Each structure stands twice: as structure tokens, then as C-alpha cells.
Amino acid sequence: MESIVSCFIEVNDMSKQEMIYSQNLQNILQLIENAGFASIEEFSAKSKIPMRQIYRLLQGLLPKINVEIFLKLSEFLRISPGKLAEIFFPQASPPTIERENRQDQINDLREDFKKEYHLLQQEMDNIKQEVQRSAFYSLESLLLQLPTVTAAIQQNPDFPSVKLLPLFRPVNQLLREWNIEPIGTVGAKAVYDPQYHEILEGTAQEGDLVTVRYVGYKQGELVLYKAKISQIFYEI
């Protein structure tokens, strides 16, 4: 009875092995054809993978093939190592497939990030150009007339400087549109505040009366440039 059972198990194992071999043979023939080879022998010769290693693959002995040969098989069959393992060693493929899928997701995320970054960069460039064009058009009258006025001053040193004042109206208008306000007025007296003032000459304590030498600028609560001030010197 035991011999009959043993015999049945052996036959069953052989049948299973034959099925694995047959399935693997079909798979490798298809892959070889897809990769542009006419036969297993041609594939072995051109890839320099020994036939005994290919027979191991056909017999379902993929784990016994060394890593170098495994990667070479993947390269010449033109499929990923994960896909190769999935086809010829399916019982071990789910973790491999899962890792491969995760890597694919990471690669997809990287590509999406690159595309989004590129689009954002383009949008930033467009906004920058729009701001530059807007500033240019706001200063158009100044930019168009300034070279002519400069030439006139060079040719006539007595050119009245008061005529230059209207040219700066567009600058003041642009600053108002950008909500940029001057800090102080040139020549005016101001109470020294280190948050808004920078000492150019002399010394001063917070709350002292000082003279504004150069105007500063702020945008809302943000100080862009501090006004430069000097100490008031009283004659004794």
C-alpha cells in the first residue's frame, strides 16, 4: 500500500514538474521571440547565458540562478527583474510586484512633481514679466523723455532743474499703486525712531529731534529702506 502511495506521489510530482517545465518553455519562447531571437540556442549564444542556466529557469529553479545571470536574463529578454520573477517564480512574486509597484508610484510622483514645478516656474516667469511690463508702462513718460532731457542738460548746463520735477510724477504714482510710502521728507525735522531711521551723521537717542537727509520707504508695516538722518547741531 505504501509503495502504491509513494508511486502516486512520484507520478504526481513528475506531472507537476512537467507542467511547470511546459509552462516555462512557452513563456521563454514567447519572451525570446518578443526580444527578437529566433530560438533558445540563438538567445543563449548572443546573451552568453549558458544553456544549463536556461534549463534551470525552465525547471522552475529561478532561486538557484545567481544574481548576475538573473539580471542578464532580464536585460536580454527586455523585461524588468520583477516581471521576470513574476513569470518564472510566481510563488515569490507578490512581494516583488508590490515593491515594483511602489517604485513605479514613486517614479510617477517624481514625474508629476517635475511637471508641476516646470508649470509653476513658467507661471512665476509670466508673473514676473507682467510686473515688469506694468512697471515699464507706468514709467513710460519718464523713460521716453529722460534720455532727451539728459541730452538737453549736457548741451545746456543752465537747463532749469525745476522742469525735471514733472518727469518724476509717474514714479510717485507707481509707488502709490504698490502701497509704498515715503518715510520722512528731505530737510524736515523728525523724532528719531531706530525702527525707521538710520543715523548718517552725529548721534541721537530715541525721541530726539533729528533732520531727515535721505527719505526711506515702507510698504505697509514692512520697512524697505530706513530714512537716513543726522543729529541737529545747535549753535551755542
C-alpha atoms as a PDB file:
ATOM      1  CA  MET A   1       0.000   0.000   0.000  1.00  0.00           C
ATOM      2  CA  GLU A   2       2.810   2.391   0.947  1.00  0.00           C
ATOM      3  CA  SER A   3       4.605   1.676  -2.321  1.00  0.00           C
ATOM      4  CA  ILE A   4       1.431   2.481  -4.289  1.00  0.00           C
ATOM      5  CA  VAL A   5       1.052   5.793  -2.425  1.00  0.00           C
ATOM      6  CA  SER A   6       4.739   6.585  -2.923  1.00  0.00           C
ATOM      7  CA  CYS A   7       4.419   5.769  -6.578  1.00  0.00           C
ATOM      8  CA  PHE A   8       1.340   8.006  -6.866  1.00  0.00           C
ATOM      9  CA  ILE A   9       3.180  10.882  -5.169  1.00  0.00           C
ATOM     10  CA  GLU A  10       6.143  10.461  -7.502  1.00  0.00           C
ATOM     11  CA  VAL A  11       3.885  10.431 -10.579  1.00  0.00           C
ATOM     12  CA  ASN A  12       2.036  13.463  -9.236  1.00  0.00           C
ATOM     13  CA  ASP A  13       5.314  15.292  -8.611  1.00  0.00           C
ATOM     14  CA  MET A  14       6.544  14.407 -12.086  1.00  0.00           C
ATOM     15  CA  SER A  15       3.280  15.591 -13.605  1.00  0.00           C
ATOM     16  CA  LYS A  16       3.559  18.865 -11.711  1.00  0.00           C
ATOM     17  CA  GLN A  17       7.188  19.280 -12.772  1.00  0.00           C
ATOM     18  CA  GLU A  18       6.255  18.619 -16.389  1.00  0.00           C
ATOM     19  CA  MET A  19       3.518  21.252 -16.186  1.00  0.00           C
ATOM     20  CA  ILE A  20       5.994  23.797 -14.762  1.00  0.00           C
ATOM     21  CA  TYR A  21       8.516  22.959 -17.475  1.00  0.00           C
ATOM     22  CA  SER A  22       5.905  23.170 -20.226  1.00  0.00           C
ATOM     23  CA  GLN A  23       4.553  26.483 -18.984  1.00  0.00           C
ATOM     24  CA  ASN A  24       8.014  27.959 -18.549  1.00  0.00           C
ATOM     25  CA  LEU A  25       9.017  26.756 -22.022  1.00  0.00           C
ATOM     26  CA  GLN A  26       6.035  28.539 -23.559  1.00  0.00           C
ATOM     27  CA  ASN A  27       6.827  31.672 -21.587  1.00  0.00           C
ATOM     28  CA  ILE A  28      10.500  31.816 -22.525  1.00  0.00           C
ATOM     29  CA  LEU A  29       9.821  31.066 -26.198  1.00  0.00           C
ATOM     30  CA  GLN A  30       7.354  33.957 -26.266  1.00  0.00           C
ATOM     31  CA  LEU A  31       9.781  36.286 -24.498  1.00  0.00           C
ATOM     32  CA  ILE A  32      12.657  35.253 -26.770  1.00  0.00           C
ATOM     33  CA  GLU A  33      10.518  35.921 -29.838  1.00  0.00           C
ATOM     34  CA  ASN A  34       9.434  39.315 -28.458  1.00  0.00           C
ATOM     35  CA  ALA A  35      13.092  40.163 -27.835  1.00  0.00           C
ATOM     36  CA  GLY A  36      13.966  39.383 -31.462  1.00  0.00           C
ATOM     37  CA  PHE A  37      15.660  35.990 -31.144  1.00  0.00           C
ATOM     38  CA  ALA A  38      14.825  33.030 -33.387  1.00  0.00           C
ATOM     39  CA  SER A  39      15.471  30.267 -30.851  1.00  0.00           C
ATOM     40  CA  ILE A  40      16.647  29.443 -27.347  1.00  0.00           C
ATOM     41  CA  GLU A  41      20.019  28.444 -28.763  1.00  0.00           C
ATOM     42  CA  GLU A  42      20.449  31.800 -30.520  1.00  0.00           C
ATOM     43  CA  PHE A  43      19.399  33.603 -27.350  1.00  0.00           C
ATOM     44  CA  SER A  44      21.976  31.636 -25.334  1.00  0.00           C
ATOM     45  CA  ALA A  45      24.740  32.311 -27.849  1.00  0.00           C
ATOM     46  CA  LYS A  46      24.137  36.055 -28.163  1.00  0.00           C
ATOM     47  CA  SER A  47      23.446  36.697 -24.481  1.00  0.00           C
ATOM     48  CA  LYS A  48      26.295  34.371 -23.407  1.00  0.00           C
ATOM     49  CA  ILE A  49      23.955  32.763 -20.881  1.00  0.00           C
ATOM     50  CA  PRO A  50      24.778  29.044 -20.633  1.00  0.00           C
ATOM     51  CA  MET A  51      22.029  26.628 -21.703  1.00  0.00           C
ATOM     52  CA  ARG A  52      22.173  24.924 -18.293  1.00  0.00           C
ATOM     53  CA  GLN A  53      21.084  28.183 -16.672  1.00  0.00           C
ATOM     54  CA  ILE A  54      18.169  28.448 -19.099  1.00  0.00           C
ATOM     55  CA  TYR A  55      17.188  24.839 -18.262  1.00  0.00           C
ATOM     56  CA  ARG A  56      17.160  25.785 -14.598  1.00  0.00           C
ATOM     57  CA  LEU A  57      14.781  28.574 -15.467  1.00  0.00           C
ATOM     58  CA  LEU A  58      12.547  26.134 -17.366  1.00  0.00           C
ATOM     59  CA  GLN A  59      12.528  23.737 -14.414  1.00  0.00           C
ATOM     60  CA  GLY A  60      11.321  26.457 -12.039  1.00  0.00           C
ATOM     61  CA  LEU A  61      14.680  26.752 -10.301  1.00  0.00           C
ATOM     62  CA  LEU A  62      14.960  30.505 -10.600  1.00  0.00           C
ATOM     63  CA  PRO A  63      16.188  30.915  -6.963  1.00  0.00           C
ATOM     64  CA  LYS A  64      19.225  28.754  -7.847  1.00  0.00           C
ATOM     65  CA  ILE A  65      20.272  31.104 -10.649  1.00  0.00           C
ATOM     66  CA  ASN A  66      22.861  33.641  -9.479  1.00  0.00           C
ATOM     67  CA  VAL A  67      22.052  37.328  -9.491  1.00  0.00           C
ATOM     68  CA  GLU A  68      24.358  38.174 -12.393  1.00  0.00           C
ATOM     69  CA  ILE A  69      22.664  35.639 -14.673  1.00  0.00           C
ATOM     70  CA  PHE A  70      19.226  36.729 -13.453  1.00  0.00           C
ATOM     71  CA  LEU A  71      19.947  40.365 -14.362  1.00  0.00           C
ATOM     72  CA  LYS A  72      21.374  39.288 -17.703  1.00  0.00           C
ATOM     73  CA  LEU A  73      18.193  37.344 -18.446  1.00  0.00           C
ATOM     74  CA  SER A  74      16.171  40.427 -17.589  1.00  0.00           C
ATOM     75  CA  GLU A  75      18.337  42.600 -19.837  1.00  0.00           C
ATOM     76  CA  PHE A  76      18.270  40.378 -22.931  1.00  0.00           C
ATOM     77  CA  LEU A  77      14.616  39.399 -22.563  1.00  0.00           C
ATOM     78  CA  ARG A  78      13.840  43.135 -22.232  1.00  0.00           C
ATOM     79  CA  ILE A  79      11.641  42.829 -19.170  1.00  0.00           C
ATOM     80  CA  SER A  80      12.094  44.073 -15.625  1.00  0.00           C
ATOM     81  CA  PRO A  81      13.596  41.777 -12.959  1.00  0.00           C
ATOM     82  CA  GLY A  82      10.287  41.933 -11.091  1.00  0.00           C
ATOM     83  CA  LYS A  83       8.329  40.789 -14.144  1.00  0.00           C
ATOM     84  CA  LEU A  84      10.834  38.010 -14.780  1.00  0.00           C
ATOM     85  CA  ALA A  85      10.373  36.724 -11.213  1.00  0.00           C
ATOM     86  CA  GLU A  86       6.597  37.007 -11.550  1.00  0.00           C
ATOM     87  CA  ILE A  87       6.602  34.801 -14.662  1.00  0.00           C
ATOM     88  CA  PHE A  88       9.134  32.129 -13.689  1.00  0.00           C
ATOM     89  CA  PHE A  89       8.767  32.041  -9.915  1.00  0.00           C
ATOM     90  CA  PRO A  90       5.186  33.186  -9.204  1.00  0.00           C
ATOM     91  CA  GLN A  91       5.123  31.943  -5.590  1.00  0.00           C
ATOM     92  CA  ALA A  92       7.699  34.582  -4.664  1.00  0.00           C
ATOM     93  CA  SER A  93       6.457  37.329  -6.967  1.00  0.00           C
ATOM     94  CA  PRO A  94       3.813  39.204  -4.888  1.00  0.00           C
ATOM     95  CA  PRO A  95       6.355  40.994  -2.641  1.00  0.00           C
ATOM     96  CA  THR A  96       8.477  41.703  -5.697  1.00  0.00           C
ATOM     97  CA  ILE A  97       5.470  43.030  -7.593  1.00  0.00           C
ATOM     98  CA  GLU A  98       4.489  45.136  -4.616  1.00  0.00           C
ATOM     99  CA  ARG A  99       7.972  46.651  -4.408  1.00  0.00           C
ATOM    100  CA  GLU A 100       7.971  47.262  -8.134  1.00  0.00           C
ATOM    101  CA  ASN A 101       4.560  48.911  -7.953  1.00  0.00           C
ATOM    102  CA  ARG A 102       5.760  51.136  -5.125  1.00  0.00           C
ATOM    103  CA  GLN A 103       8.790  52.128  -7.191  1.00  0.00           C
ATOM    104  CA  ASP A 104       6.526  52.869 -10.161  1.00  0.00           C
ATOM    105  CA  GLN A 105       4.383  55.072  -7.919  1.00  0.00           C
ATOM    106  CA  ILE A 106       7.484  56.908  -6.679  1.00  0.00           C
ATOM    107  CA  ASN A 107       8.655  57.409 -10.260  1.00  0.00           C
ATOM    108  CA  ASP A 108       5.201  58.689 -11.251  1.00  0.00           C
ATOM    109  CA  LEU A 109       5.230  61.115  -8.315  1.00  0.00           C
ATOM    110  CA  ARG A 110       8.662  62.351  -9.335  1.00  0.00           C
ATOM    111  CA  GLU A 111       7.477  62.943 -12.886  1.00  0.00           C
ATOM    112  CA  ASP A 112       4.337  64.718 -11.645  1.00  0.00           C
ATOM    113  CA  PHE A 113       6.476  66.889  -9.365  1.00  0.00           C
ATOM    114  CA  LYS A 114       8.785  67.794 -12.247  1.00  0.00           C
ATOM    115  CA  LYS A 115       5.821  68.754 -14.429  1.00  0.00           C
ATOM    116  CA  GLU A 116       4.180  70.792 -11.659  1.00  0.00           C
ATOM    117  CA  TYR A 117       7.484  72.513 -10.861  1.00  0.00           C
ATOM    118  CA  HIS A 118       8.008  73.323 -14.542  1.00  0.00           C
ATOM    119  CA  LEU A 119       4.482  74.764 -14.820  1.00  0.00           C
ATOM    120  CA  LEU A 120       4.965  76.767 -11.618  1.00  0.00           C
ATOM    121  CA  GLN A 121       8.281  78.099 -12.913  1.00  0.00           C
ATOM    122  CA  GLN A 122       6.601  79.162 -16.147  1.00  0.00           C
ATOM    123  CA  GLU A 123       3.800  80.842 -14.199  1.00  0.00           C
ATOM    124  CA  MET A 124       6.325  82.673 -11.995  1.00  0.00           C
ATOM    125  CA  ASP A 125       8.204  83.850 -15.098  1.00  0.00           C
ATOM    126  CA  ASN A 126       4.946  85.076 -16.647  1.00  0.00           C
ATOM    127  CA  ILE A 127       4.008  86.968 -13.460  1.00  0.00           C
ATOM    128  CA  LYS A 128       7.493  88.494 -13.303  1.00  0.00           C
ATOM    129  CA  GLN A 129       7.223  89.664 -16.903  1.00  0.00           C
ATOM    130  CA  GLU A 130       3.748  91.088 -16.288  1.00  0.00           C
ATOM    131  CA  VAL A 131       5.031  93.053 -13.262  1.00  0.00           C
ATOM    132  CA  GLN A 132       7.985  94.303 -15.296  1.00  0.00           C
ATOM    133  CA  ARG A 133       5.756  95.365 -18.190  1.00  0.00           C
ATOM    134  CA  SER A 134       3.316  97.037 -15.797  1.00  0.00           C
ATOM    135  CA  ALA A 135       6.164  98.976 -14.172  1.00  0.00           C
ATOM    136  CA  PHE A 136       7.537  99.903 -17.595  1.00  0.00           C
ATOM    137  CA  TYR A 137       4.201 101.264 -18.826  1.00  0.00           C
ATOM    138  CA  SER A 138       3.719 103.154 -15.543  1.00  0.00           C
ATOM    139  CA  LEU A 139       7.102 104.841 -16.052  1.00  0.00           C
ATOM    140  CA  GLU A 140       6.645 105.199 -19.804  1.00  0.00           C
ATOM    141  CA  SER A 141       6.643 109.013 -19.902  1.00  0.00           C
ATOM    142  CA  LEU A 142       9.764 109.173 -17.713  1.00  0.00           C
ATOM    143  CA  LEU A 143      11.610 106.506 -19.700  1.00  0.00           C
ATOM    144  CA  LEU A 144      10.740 108.116 -23.036  1.00  0.00           C
ATOM    145  CA  GLN A 145      11.645 111.677 -22.031  1.00  0.00           C
ATOM    146  CA  LEU A 146      14.613 111.113 -19.722  1.00  0.00           C
ATOM    147  CA  PRO A 147      17.198 110.474 -22.495  1.00  0.00           C
ATOM    148  CA  THR A 148      16.088 113.650 -24.272  1.00  0.00           C
ATOM    149  CA  VAL A 149      16.234 115.705 -21.051  1.00  0.00           C
ATOM    150  CA  THR A 150      19.668 114.225 -20.231  1.00  0.00           C
ATOM    151  CA  ALA A 151      20.955 115.273 -23.659  1.00  0.00           C
ATOM    152  CA  ALA A 152      19.486 118.758 -23.193  1.00  0.00           C
ATOM    153  CA  ILE A 153      21.205 119.163 -19.795  1.00  0.00           C
ATOM    154  CA  GLN A 154      24.542 118.011 -21.226  1.00  0.00           C
ATOM    155  CA  GLN A 155      24.258 120.509 -24.065  1.00  0.00           C
ATOM    156  CA  ASN A 156      22.934 123.325 -21.833  1.00  0.00           C
ATOM    157  CA  PRO A 157      24.308 123.325 -18.260  1.00  0.00           C
ATOM    158  CA  ASP A 158      21.908 126.160 -17.391  1.00  0.00           C
ATOM    159  CA  PHE A 159      18.862 123.994 -18.104  1.00  0.00           C
ATOM    160  CA  PRO A 160      16.374 124.799 -15.291  1.00  0.00           C
ATOM    161  CA  SER A 161      16.166 121.764 -12.987  1.00  0.00           C
ATOM    162  CA  VAL A 162      12.607 122.661 -11.974  1.00  0.00           C
ATOM    163  CA  LYS A 163      11.491 121.386 -15.368  1.00  0.00           C
ATOM    164  CA  LEU A 164      12.590 117.903 -14.314  1.00  0.00           C
ATOM    165  CA  LEU A 165      10.062 117.628 -11.495  1.00  0.00           C
ATOM    166  CA  PRO A 166       7.054 116.634 -13.685  1.00  0.00           C
ATOM    167  CA  LEU A 167       9.084 113.704 -15.006  1.00  0.00           C
ATOM    168  CA  PHE A 168       9.034 112.055 -11.590  1.00  0.00           C
ATOM    169  CA  ARG A 169       5.252 112.050 -11.222  1.00  0.00           C
ATOM    170  CA  PRO A 170       4.935 108.545 -12.764  1.00  0.00           C
ATOM    171  CA  VAL A 171       7.421 107.234 -10.176  1.00  0.00           C
ATOM    172  CA  ASN A 172       5.357 108.624  -7.319  1.00  0.00           C
ATOM    173  CA  GLN A 173       2.177 107.260  -8.901  1.00  0.00           C
ATOM    174  CA  LEU A 174       3.735 103.793  -9.221  1.00  0.00           C
ATOM    175  CA  LEU A 175       4.822 103.845  -5.566  1.00  0.00           C
ATOM    176  CA  ARG A 176       1.259 104.739  -4.539  1.00  0.00           C
ATOM    177  CA  GLU A 177      -0.136 101.865  -6.608  1.00  0.00           C
ATOM    178  CA  TRP A 178       2.273  99.486  -4.862  1.00  0.00           C
ATOM    179  CA  ASN A 179       1.313 100.896  -1.452  1.00  0.00           C
ATOM    180  CA  ILE A 180       4.880 102.073  -0.874  1.00  0.00           C
ATOM    181  CA  GLU A 181       5.060 105.181   1.316  1.00  0.00           C
ATOM    182  CA  PRO A 182       7.999 107.507   1.970  1.00  0.00           C
ATOM    183  CA  ILE A 183       9.443 107.756   5.465  1.00  0.00           C
ATOM    184  CA  GLY A 184      10.089 111.428   6.207  1.00  0.00           C
ATOM    185  CA  THR A 185      10.705 114.427   3.950  1.00  0.00           C
ATOM    186  CA  VAL A 186      14.144 115.660   2.912  1.00  0.00           C
ATOM    187  CA  GLY A 187      15.220 118.555   5.137  1.00  0.00           C
ATOM    188  CA  ALA A 188      12.304 118.133   7.549  1.00  0.00           C
ATOM    189  CA  LYS A 189      12.605 117.581  11.279  1.00  0.00           C
ATOM    190  CA  ALA A 190      11.557 114.201  12.698  1.00  0.00           C
ATOM    191  CA  VAL A 191      11.543 112.409  16.039  1.00  0.00           C
ATOM    192  CA  TYR A 192      14.290 109.784  15.974  1.00  0.00           C
ATOM    193  CA  ASP A 193      12.922 106.242  15.867  1.00  0.00           C
ATOM    194  CA  PRO A 194      15.537 103.477  15.239  1.00  0.00           C
ATOM    195  CA  GLN A 195      12.853 101.325  13.597  1.00  0.00           C
ATOM    196  CA  TYR A 196      12.519 103.857  10.756  1.00  0.00           C
ATOM    197  CA  HIS A 197      15.709 105.911  10.929  1.00  0.00           C
ATOM    198  CA  GLU A 198      19.408 105.266  10.366  1.00  0.00           C
ATOM    199  CA  ILE A 199      21.937 107.749  11.745  1.00  0.00           C
ATOM    200  CA  LEU A 200      24.129 109.176   8.990  1.00  0.00           C
ATOM    201  CA  GLU A 201      25.907 111.902  10.993  1.00  0.00           C
ATOM    202  CA  GLY A 202      26.267 112.601  14.688  1.00  0.00           C
ATOM    203  CA  THR A 203      24.460 110.732  17.458  1.00  0.00           C
ATOM    204  CA  ALA A 204      20.852 110.585  18.652  1.00  0.00           C
ATOM    205  CA  GLN A 205      18.750 108.921  21.297  1.00  0.00           C
ATOM    206  CA  GLU A 206      15.272 107.604  20.672  1.00  0.00           C
ATOM    207  CA  GLY A 207      12.854 110.565  20.847  1.00  0.00           C
ATOM    208  CA  ASP A 208      15.478 113.181  19.899  1.00  0.00           C
ATOM    209  CA  LEU A 209      14.699 115.697  17.178  1.00  0.00           C
ATOM    210  CA  VAL A 210      16.724 114.966  14.035  1.00  0.00           C
ATOM    211  CA  THR A 211      16.937 116.118  10.405  1.00  0.00           C
ATOM    212  CA  VAL A 212      15.971 113.822   7.513  1.00  0.00           C
ATOM    213  CA  ARG A 213      18.802 113.709   4.967  1.00  0.00           C
ATOM    214  CA  TYR A 214      17.509 110.894   2.731  1.00  0.00           C
ATOM    215  CA  VAL A 215      13.944 109.619   2.536  1.00  0.00           C
ATOM    216  CA  GLY A 216      13.202 105.987   3.427  1.00  0.00           C
ATOM    217  CA  TYR A 217      10.357 103.754   2.243  1.00  0.00           C
ATOM    218  CA  LYS A 218       7.939 101.267   3.772  1.00  0.00           C
ATOM    219  CA  GLN A 219       5.225  99.008   2.398  1.00  0.00           C
ATOM    220  CA  GLY A 220       2.537  98.579   4.998  1.00  0.00           C
ATOM    221  CA  GLU A 221       4.381  97.599   8.181  1.00  0.00           C
ATOM    222  CA  LEU A 222       7.465  96.395   6.293  1.00  0.00           C
ATOM    223  CA  VAL A 223      10.362  98.857   6.243  1.00  0.00           C
ATOM    224  CA  LEU A 224      12.087  98.626   2.852  1.00  0.00           C
ATOM    225  CA  TYR A 225      14.697 101.333   3.437  1.00  0.00           C
ATOM    226  CA  LYS A 226      15.270 103.344   6.591  1.00  0.00           C
ATOM    227  CA  ALA A 227      15.376 107.117   6.276  1.00  0.00           C
ATOM    228  CA  LYS A 228      18.892 108.459   6.828  1.00  0.00           C
ATOM    229  CA  ILE A 229      19.029 111.208   9.433  1.00  0.00           C
ATOM    230  CA  SER A 230      21.563 113.455  11.088  1.00  0.00           C
ATOM    231  CA  GLN A 231      21.868 114.990  14.501  1.00  0.00           C
ATOM    232  CA  ILE A 232      20.725 118.599  14.867  1.00  0.00           C
ATOM    233  CA  PHE A 233      23.642 120.744  15.958  1.00  0.00           C
ATOM    234  CA  TYR A 234      22.627 123.822  17.919  1.00  0.00           C
ATOM    235  CA  GLU A 235      24.836 126.902  17.961  1.00  0.00           C
ATOM    236  CA  ILE A 236      25.965 127.994  21.409  1.00  0.00           C
END
